C-alpha atoms as a PDB file:
ATOM      1  CA  MET A   1     -49.626 -97.700 171.036  1.00  0.00           C
ATOM      2  CA  THR A   2     -52.676 -98.339 168.882  1.00  0.00           C
ATOM      3  CA  PRO A   3     -54.905 -95.471 167.731  1.00  0.00           C
ATOM      4  CA  GLY A   4     -58.131 -94.908 169.616  1.00  0.00           C
ATOM      5  CA  ASN A   5     -60.951 -92.458 169.098  1.00  0.00           C
ATOM      6  CA  GLY A   6     -58.841 -89.458 170.101  1.00  0.00           C
ATOM      7  CA  ARG A   7     -60.238 -89.561 173.643  1.00  0.00           C
ATOM      8  CA  VAL A   8     -58.511 -92.844 174.498  1.00  0.00           C
ATOM      9  CA  ARG A   9     -55.048 -94.218 173.707  1.00  0.00           C
ATOM     10  CA  ARG A  10     -54.460 -97.946 173.960  1.00  0.00           C
ATOM     11  CA  TYR A  11     -51.142 -99.637 174.600  1.00  0.00           C
ATOM     12  CA  GLN A  12     -50.491-103.248 173.773  1.00  0.00           C
ATOM     13  CA  LEU A  13     -49.100-105.808 176.194  1.00  0.00           C
ATOM     14  CA  ASN A  14     -45.538-105.193 177.300  1.00  0.00           C
ATOM     15  CA  THR A  15     -43.925-108.600 176.868  1.00  0.00           C
ATOM     16  CA  ARG A  16     -40.404-107.419 177.676  1.00  0.00           C
ATOM     17  CA  GLY A  17     -40.769-105.724 181.044  1.00  0.00           C
ATOM     18  CA  ARG A  18     -43.035-104.120 183.600  1.00  0.00           C
ATOM     19  CA  ASP A  19     -45.667-101.381 183.418  1.00  0.00           C
ATOM     20  CA  PHE A  20     -46.087 -98.896 186.255  1.00  0.00           C
ATOM     21  CA  ALA A  21     -48.630 -96.173 186.921  1.00  0.00           C
ATOM     22  CA  VAL A  22     -47.702 -93.176 189.044  1.00  0.00           C
ATOM     23  CA  GLY A  23     -49.881 -90.589 190.760  1.00  0.00           C
ATOM     24  CA  ASP A  24     -49.700 -86.814 190.435  1.00  0.00           C
ATOM     25  CA  ILE A  25     -46.163 -85.538 189.792  1.00  0.00           C
ATOM     26  CA  HIS A  26     -46.738 -81.771 190.037  1.00  0.00           C
ATOM     27  CA  GLY A  27     -43.357 -80.642 188.821  1.00  0.00           C
ATOM     28  CA  HIS A  28     -41.250 -82.941 191.001  1.00  0.00           C
ATOM     29  CA  PHE A  29     -39.574 -85.086 188.357  1.00  0.00           C
ATOM     30  CA  GLY A  30     -36.388 -85.370 190.386  1.00  0.00           C
ATOM     31  CA  ARG A  31     -38.278 -87.061 193.201  1.00  0.00           C
ATOM     32  CA  LEU A  32     -39.931 -89.317 190.639  1.00  0.00           C
ATOM     33  CA  GLU A  33     -36.526 -90.422 189.367  1.00  0.00           C
ATOM     34  CA  VAL A  34     -35.607 -91.458 192.924  1.00  0.00           C
ATOM     35  CA  ALA A  35     -38.796 -93.540 193.164  1.00  0.00           C
ATOM     36  CA  LEU A  36     -38.067 -95.196 189.820  1.00  0.00           C
ATOM     37  CA  ALA A  37     -34.538 -96.044 190.889  1.00  0.00           C
ATOM     38  CA  ALA A  38     -35.936 -97.728 194.015  1.00  0.00           C
ATOM     39  CA  VAL A  39     -37.881-100.223 191.869  1.00  0.00           C
ATOM     40  CA  LYS A  40     -34.930-100.636 189.468  1.00  0.00           C
ATOM     41  CA  PHE A  41     -36.937 -99.191 186.590  1.00  0.00           C
ATOM     42  CA  SER A  42     -35.455-100.157 183.220  1.00  0.00           C
ATOM     43  CA  PRO A  43     -36.079 -97.636 180.395  1.00  0.00           C
ATOM     44  CA  GLU A  44     -35.128-100.359 177.920  1.00  0.00           C
ATOM     45  CA  LYS A  45     -37.894-102.732 179.070  1.00  0.00           C
ATOM     46  CA  ASP A  46     -40.333-101.006 181.407  1.00  0.00           C
ATOM     47  CA  ARG A  47     -43.014 -98.364 180.799  1.00  0.00           C
ATOM     48  CA  LEU A  48     -44.339 -95.626 183.085  1.00  0.00           C
ATOM     49  CA  PHE A  49     -47.873 -94.241 182.825  1.00  0.00           C
ATOM     50  CA  SER A  50     -48.822 -90.971 184.509  1.00  0.00           C
ATOM     51  CA  VAL A  51     -52.424 -90.479 185.608  1.00  0.00           C
ATOM     52  CA  GLY A  52     -52.114 -86.731 185.048  1.00  0.00           C
ATOM     53  CA  ASP A  53     -51.142 -83.549 186.882  1.00  0.00           C
ATOM     54  CA  LEU A  54     -47.556 -83.585 185.711  1.00  0.00           C
ATOM     55  CA  VAL A  55     -47.221 -79.827 186.174  1.00  0.00           C
ATOM     56  CA  ASP A  56     -47.867 -76.938 188.627  1.00  0.00           C
ATOM     57  CA  ARG A  57     -46.830 -76.501 192.258  1.00  0.00           C
ATOM     58  CA  GLY A  58     -43.318 -77.959 191.814  1.00  0.00           C
ATOM     59  CA  PRO A  59     -40.055 -76.350 190.635  1.00  0.00           C
ATOM     60  CA  GLU A  60     -39.509 -78.642 187.627  1.00  0.00           C
ATOM     61  CA  SER A  61     -42.821 -78.187 185.811  1.00  0.00           C
ATOM     62  CA  ALA A  62     -41.133 -76.990 182.608  1.00  0.00           C
ATOM     63  CA  ASP A  63     -39.289 -80.329 182.465  1.00  0.00           C
ATOM     64  CA  VAL A  64     -42.576 -81.874 181.344  1.00  0.00           C
ATOM     65  CA  LEU A  65     -41.472 -81.330 177.742  1.00  0.00           C
ATOM     66  CA  ASN A  66     -38.398 -83.502 178.229  1.00  0.00           C
ATOM     67  CA  TRP A  67     -40.374 -86.237 179.931  1.00  0.00           C
ATOM     68  CA  LEU A  68     -43.041 -86.396 177.276  1.00  0.00           C
ATOM     69  CA  GLU A  69     -40.294 -87.039 174.713  1.00  0.00           C
ATOM     70  CA  ARG A  70     -39.154 -90.191 176.524  1.00  0.00           C
ATOM     71  CA  PRO A  71     -40.377 -93.253 174.610  1.00  0.00           C
ATOM     72  CA  TRP A  72     -41.205 -95.188 177.770  1.00  0.00           C
ATOM     73  CA  PHE A  73     -43.228 -92.392 179.448  1.00  0.00           C
ATOM     74  CA  HIS A  74     -46.916 -91.918 178.680  1.00  0.00           C
ATOM     75  CA  ALA A  75     -49.457 -89.594 180.286  1.00  0.00           C
ATOM     76  CA  ILE A  76     -53.103 -88.634 180.326  1.00  0.00           C
ATOM     77  CA  CYS A  77     -54.513 -85.150 180.755  1.00  0.00           C
ATOM     78  CA  GLY A  78     -55.234 -83.985 184.281  1.00  0.00           C
ATOM     79  CA  ASN A  79     -57.003 -80.822 185.330  1.00  0.00           C
ATOM     80  CA  HIS A  80     -53.651 -79.071 185.761  1.00  0.00           C
ATOM     81  CA  GLU A  81     -52.620 -79.895 182.194  1.00  0.00           C
ATOM     82  CA  LEU A  82     -55.917 -78.391 181.051  1.00  0.00           C
ATOM     83  CA  LEU A  83     -55.374 -75.260 183.157  1.00  0.00           C
ATOM     84  CA  THR A  84     -51.831 -74.918 181.798  1.00  0.00           C
ATOM     85  CA  TRP A  85     -52.386 -75.330 178.076  1.00  0.00           C
ATOM     86  CA  ARG A  86     -55.519 -73.194 178.069  1.00  0.00           C
ATOM     87  CA  ARG A  87     -53.676 -70.318 179.752  1.00  0.00           C
ATOM     88  CA  ALA A  88     -50.653 -70.855 177.489  1.00  0.00           C
ATOM     89  CA  ILE A  89     -52.808 -70.134 174.437  1.00  0.00           C
ATOM     90  CA  GLY A  90     -54.448 -67.107 176.078  1.00  0.00           C
ATOM     91  CA  ASN A  91     -57.793 -68.805 176.731  1.00  0.00           C
ATOM     92  CA  PRO A  92     -57.754 -69.621 180.461  1.00  0.00           C
ATOM     93  CA  ILE A  93     -60.401 -71.726 182.147  1.00  0.00           C
ATOM     94  CA  PRO A  94     -63.050 -69.351 183.510  1.00  0.00           C
ATOM     95  CA  ASP A  95     -63.310 -68.898 187.279  1.00  0.00           C
ATOM     96  CA  VAL A  96     -60.118 -70.849 188.044  1.00  0.00           C
ATOM     97  CA  ASP A  97     -56.964 -68.820 188.745  1.00  0.00           C
ATOM     98  CA  HIS A  98     -54.160 -71.007 187.418  1.00  0.00           C
ATOM     99  CA  CYS A  99     -51.509 -69.052 189.305  1.00  0.00           C
ATOM    100  CA  LEU A 100     -53.264 -69.654 192.621  1.00  0.00           C
ATOM    101  CA  HIS A 101     -53.093 -73.384 191.854  1.00  0.00           C
ATOM    102  CA  GLY A 102     -49.338 -73.489 191.288  1.00  0.00           C
ATOM    103  CA  GLY A 103     -49.207 -72.211 187.717  1.00  0.00           C
ATOM    104  CA  GLU A 104     -46.833 -69.247 188.219  1.00  0.00           C
ATOM    105  CA  TRP A 105     -44.000 -71.162 186.539  1.00  0.00           C
ATOM    106  CA  LEU A 106     -45.645 -70.741 183.151  1.00  0.00           C
ATOM    107  CA  ASP A 107     -45.039 -66.978 183.251  1.00  0.00           C
ATOM    108  CA  ALA A 108     -41.272 -67.595 183.346  1.00  0.00           C
ATOM    109  CA  CYS A 109     -41.338 -69.637 180.127  1.00  0.00           C
ATOM    110  CA  ALA A 110     -40.321 -67.990 176.868  1.00  0.00           C
ATOM    111  CA  GLY A 111     -42.972 -67.646 174.191  1.00  0.00           C
ATOM    112  CA  ASP A 112     -41.760 -70.564 172.078  1.00  0.00           C
ATOM    113  CA  VAL A 113     -41.597 -72.799 175.160  1.00  0.00           C
ATOM    114  CA  ARG A 114     -45.149 -71.833 176.097  1.00  0.00           C
ATOM    115  CA  GLU A 115     -46.235 -72.762 172.585  1.00  0.00           C
ATOM    116  CA  ARG A 116     -44.556 -76.159 172.821  1.00  0.00           C
ATOM    117  CA  ILE A 117     -46.120 -76.747 176.229  1.00  0.00           C
ATOM    118  CA  ALA A 118     -49.558 -75.890 174.850  1.00  0.00           C
ATOM    119  CA  VAL A 119     -49.120 -78.235 171.888  1.00  0.00           C
ATOM    120  CA  CYS A 120     -47.840 -81.159 173.972  1.00  0.00           C
ATOM    121  CA  LEU A 121     -50.331 -80.889 176.838  1.00  0.00           C
ATOM    122  CA  SER A 122     -53.365 -80.292 174.624  1.00  0.00           C
ATOM    123  CA  ALA A 123     -52.489 -83.475 172.712  1.00  0.00           C
ATOM    124  CA  LEU A 124     -52.683 -85.696 175.804  1.00  0.00           C
ATOM    125  CA  PRO A 125     -55.599 -88.150 175.827  1.00  0.00           C
ATOM    126  CA  LEU A 126     -58.359 -88.118 178.400  1.00  0.00           C
ATOM    127  CA  ALA A 127     -57.836 -91.832 179.061  1.00  0.00           C
ATOM    128  CA  ILE A 128     -55.306 -94.598 178.527  1.00  0.00           C
ATOM    129  CA  GLU A 129     -55.932 -98.313 178.210  1.00  0.00           C
ATOM    130  CA  VAL A 130     -53.103-100.762 178.856  1.00  0.00           C
ATOM    131  CA  GLU A 131     -53.281-104.433 177.976  1.00  0.00           C
ATOM    132  CA  THR A 132     -51.883-106.551 180.817  1.00  0.00           C
ATOM    133  CA  PRO A 133     -51.564-110.298 181.380  1.00  0.00           C
ATOM    134  CA  GLY A 134     -54.678-110.158 183.579  1.00  0.00           C
ATOM    135  CA  GLY A 135     -56.787-107.984 181.306  1.00  0.00           C
ATOM    136  CA  LEU A 136     -57.305-104.369 180.349  1.00  0.00           C
ATOM    137  CA  VAL A 137     -56.412-101.568 182.783  1.00  0.00           C
ATOM    138  CA  GLY A 138     -57.936 -98.122 182.261  1.00  0.00           C
ATOM    139  CA  MET A 139     -56.705 -94.770 183.515  1.00  0.00           C
ATOM    140  CA  VAL A 140     -58.410 -91.392 183.835  1.00  0.00           C
ATOM    141  CA  HIS A 141     -57.229 -88.614 186.089  1.00  0.00           C
ATOM    142  CA  ALA A 142     -59.899 -87.943 188.694  1.00  0.00           C
ATOM    143  CA  ASP A 143     -63.035 -90.062 188.406  1.00  0.00           C
ATOM    144  CA  PHE A 144     -65.044 -92.240 186.040  1.00  0.00           C
ATOM    145  CA  PRO A 145     -68.767 -91.433 185.964  1.00  0.00           C
ATOM    146  CA  TYR A 146     -70.019 -94.833 184.760  1.00  0.00           C
ATOM    147  CA  ASP A 147     -70.064 -98.436 185.957  1.00  0.00           C
ATOM    148  CA  ASP A 148     -69.066 -99.701 182.496  1.00  0.00           C
ATOM    149  CA  TRP A 149     -65.654 -98.802 181.077  1.00  0.00           C
ATOM    150  CA  GLN A 150     -66.965 -99.145 177.536  1.00  0.00           C
ATOM    151  CA  ALA A 151     -68.940 -95.939 178.069  1.00  0.00           C
ATOM    152  CA  ILE A 152     -65.769 -93.955 177.409  1.00  0.00           C
ATOM    153  CA  HIS A 153     -65.815 -95.206 173.820  1.00  0.00           C
ATOM    154  CA  GLY A 154     -69.456 -94.279 173.270  1.00  0.00           C
ATOM    155  CA  ALA A 155     -70.810 -91.458 171.153  1.00  0.00           C
ATOM    156  CA  THR A 156     -72.917 -90.259 174.098  1.00  0.00           C
ATOM    157  CA  PHE A 157     -69.876 -89.657 176.342  1.00  0.00           C
ATOM    158  CA  SER A 158     -70.474 -85.957 176.941  1.00  0.00           C
ATOM    159  CA  PRO A 159     -68.393 -82.867 177.783  1.00  0.00           C
ATOM    160  CA  ASP A 160     -69.814 -83.135 181.308  1.00  0.00           C
ATOM    161  CA  ASP A 161     -68.498 -86.708 181.478  1.00  0.00           C
ATOM    162  CA  GLU A 162     -65.082 -85.476 180.353  1.00  0.00           C
ATOM    163  CA  ASP A 163     -65.173 -82.799 183.062  1.00  0.00           C
ATOM    164  CA  ALA A 164     -65.928 -85.518 185.617  1.00  0.00           C
ATOM    165  CA  CYS A 165     -62.867 -87.455 184.471  1.00  0.00           C
ATOM    166  CA  LEU A 166     -60.735 -84.363 185.079  1.00  0.00           C
ATOM    167  CA  TRP A 167     -62.236 -82.834 188.224  1.00  0.00           C
ATOM    168  CA  SER A 168     -64.732 -85.057 190.069  1.00  0.00           C
ATOM    169  CA  VAL A 169     -64.186 -86.745 193.428  1.00  0.00           C
ATOM    170  CA  ASP A 170     -67.720 -88.168 193.661  1.00  0.00           C
ATOM    171  CA  ARG A 171     -66.826 -91.872 193.712  1.00  0.00           C
ATOM    172  CA  TYR A 172     -64.265 -91.401 196.467  1.00  0.00           C
ATOM    173  CA  ARG A 173     -66.437 -88.974 198.451  1.00  0.00           C
ATOM    174  CA  MET A 174     -69.330 -91.439 198.423  1.00  0.00           C
ATOM    175  CA  GLN A 175     -66.986 -94.420 198.986  1.00  0.00           C
ATOM    176  CA  TYR A 176     -68.787 -96.056 196.082  1.00  0.00           C
ATOM    177  CA  SER A 177     -67.295 -99.529 195.685  1.00  0.00           C
ATOM    178  CA  GLN A 178     -69.313-100.935 192.789  1.00  0.00           C
ATOM    179  CA  PRO A 179     -66.752-102.360 190.320  1.00  0.00           C
ATOM    180  CA  VAL A 180     -66.428-100.851 186.863  1.00  0.00           C
ATOM    181  CA  ARG A 181     -67.379-103.513 184.315  1.00  0.00           C
ATOM    182  CA  ASN A 182     -65.433-104.543 181.216  1.00  0.00           C
ATOM    183  CA  VAL A 183     -62.063-103.564 182.647  1.00  0.00           C
ATOM    184  CA  ARG A 184     -59.713-105.253 185.072  1.00  0.00           C
ATOM    185  CA  ALA A 185     -58.969-102.042 186.976  1.00  0.00           C
ATOM    186  CA  VAL A 186     -59.336 -98.266 186.721  1.00  0.00           C
ATOM    187  CA  VAL A 187     -56.533 -96.077 188.075  1.00  0.00           C
ATOM    188  CA  HIS A 188     -56.891 -92.484 189.287  1.00  0.00           C
ATOM    189  CA  GLY A 189     -54.772 -89.718 190.757  1.00  0.00           C
ATOM    190  CA  HIS A 190     -56.193 -86.320 191.797  1.00  0.00           C
ATOM    191  CA  MET A 191     -57.216 -87.263 195.353  1.00  0.00           C
ATOM    192  CA  THR A 192     -54.127 -86.852 197.531  1.00  0.00           C
ATOM    193  CA  LEU A 193     -54.227 -89.607 200.144  1.00  0.00           C
ATOM    194  CA  ARG A 194     -51.860 -90.812 202.840  1.00  0.00           C
ATOM    195  CA  LYS A 195     -51.807 -94.299 201.325  1.00  0.00           C
ATOM    196  CA  PRO A 196     -53.090 -95.903 198.121  1.00  0.00           C
ATOM    197  CA  THR A 197     -56.760 -96.806 198.321  1.00  0.00           C
ATOM    198  CA  GLN A 198     -58.995 -99.234 196.458  1.00  0.00           C
ATOM    199  CA  LEU A 199     -62.770 -99.063 195.948  1.00  0.00           C
ATOM    200  CA  GLY A 200     -63.958-102.136 194.085  1.00  0.00           C
ATOM    201  CA  ASN A 201     -61.573-102.324 191.126  1.00  0.00           C
ATOM    202  CA  VAL A 202     -60.801 -98.593 191.218  1.00  0.00           C
ATOM    203  CA  TYR A 203     -57.351 -97.592 192.512  1.00  0.00           C
ATOM    204  CA  TYR A 204     -56.347 -94.181 193.883  1.00  0.00           C
ATOM    205  CA  ILE A 205     -52.582 -93.789 193.793  1.00  0.00           C
ATOM    206  CA  ASP A 206     -51.774 -90.103 194.432  1.00  0.00           C
ATOM    207  CA  THR A 207     -49.973 -90.301 197.759  1.00  0.00           C
ATOM    208  CA  GLY A 208     -48.395 -86.850 197.613  1.00  0.00           C
ATOM    209  CA  GLY A 209     -45.035 -87.556 196.035  1.00  0.00           C
ATOM    210  CA  TRP A 210     -44.982 -83.842 195.241  1.00  0.00           C
ATOM    211  CA  GLN A 211     -45.338 -82.961 198.930  1.00  0.00           C
ATOM    212  CA  ASP A 212     -42.509 -82.997 201.467  1.00  0.00           C
ATOM    213  CA  ALA A 213     -44.494 -85.299 203.753  1.00  0.00           C
ATOM    214  CA  GLY A 214     -45.674 -87.621 200.964  1.00  0.00           C
ATOM    215  CA  GLY A 215     -44.157 -90.122 198.568  1.00  0.00           C
ATOM    216  CA  PHE A 216     -44.761 -91.537 195.120  1.00  0.00           C
ATOM    217  CA  THR A 217     -46.761 -94.737 194.841  1.00  0.00           C
ATOM    218  CA  LEU A 218     -45.986 -96.871 191.796  1.00  0.00           C
ATOM    219  CA  LEU A 219     -48.674 -99.380 190.838  1.00  0.00           C
ATOM    220  CA  ASP A 220     -47.461-102.410 188.887  1.00  0.00           C
ATOM    221  CA  LEU A 221     -50.173-102.790 186.257  1.00  0.00           C
ATOM    222  CA  HIS A 222     -49.357-106.446 185.626  1.00  0.00           C
ATOM    223  CA  THR A 223     -49.763-107.525 189.248  1.00  0.00           C
ATOM    224  CA  LEU A 224     -51.787-104.599 190.674  1.00  0.00           C
ATOM    225  CA  LYS A 225     -49.302-104.470 193.550  1.00  0.00           C
ATOM    226  CA  VAL A 226     -48.041-101.146 194.849  1.00  0.00           C
ATOM    227  CA  TRP A 227     -44.500 -99.967 195.484  1.00  0.00           C
ATOM    228  CA  PRO A 228     -43.199 -99.271 198.047  1.00  0.00           C
ATOM    229  CA  ARG A 229     -44.739-102.288 199.719  1.00  0.00           C
END
């Protein structure tokens, strides 16, 4: 990883193995392990990038601490990470009831665990950039409000823009297929879909792996092919 501006973390080309992105996990890390085994994921060579929403709704949300310690696992902040760490420090997001959105698990965590969760989740970047053989791939959780990826590095990138990255579904709702410039692809979660979907060079990969009727989609960032095929 190379340092960014605090908003973005950049990862250099993986020359030893593969890079995968996965959609929302929502406390179902056991199911994720099954999906990784199906693609013969190698912790010694491969890397896994989460597009956010690691926690809430599922029974293994507290396991997020163990996963974030794994050297091959990297994640961005989703709206559920924001809801979690803000409530963990006693400053919940106004007008959003975390418990009604699957956050009850946090109440069962001891005080020191809640503190660790707050520290780890609040440190997650808004965006990740991964160098691939075909060019740079960007990731933000929900949406990207510009047609130029370089906007995320700009001084005028506002708190409203950050909120859009965490919560918005505008691009998908409008089926806006204009490609994002200066990036090979942009990868999102947040929108739970029956199958992975592409609009221009924007990929939506949350296919409900946290739901009984869904499954995890793994996007190979080197080839931009999805698993399972």
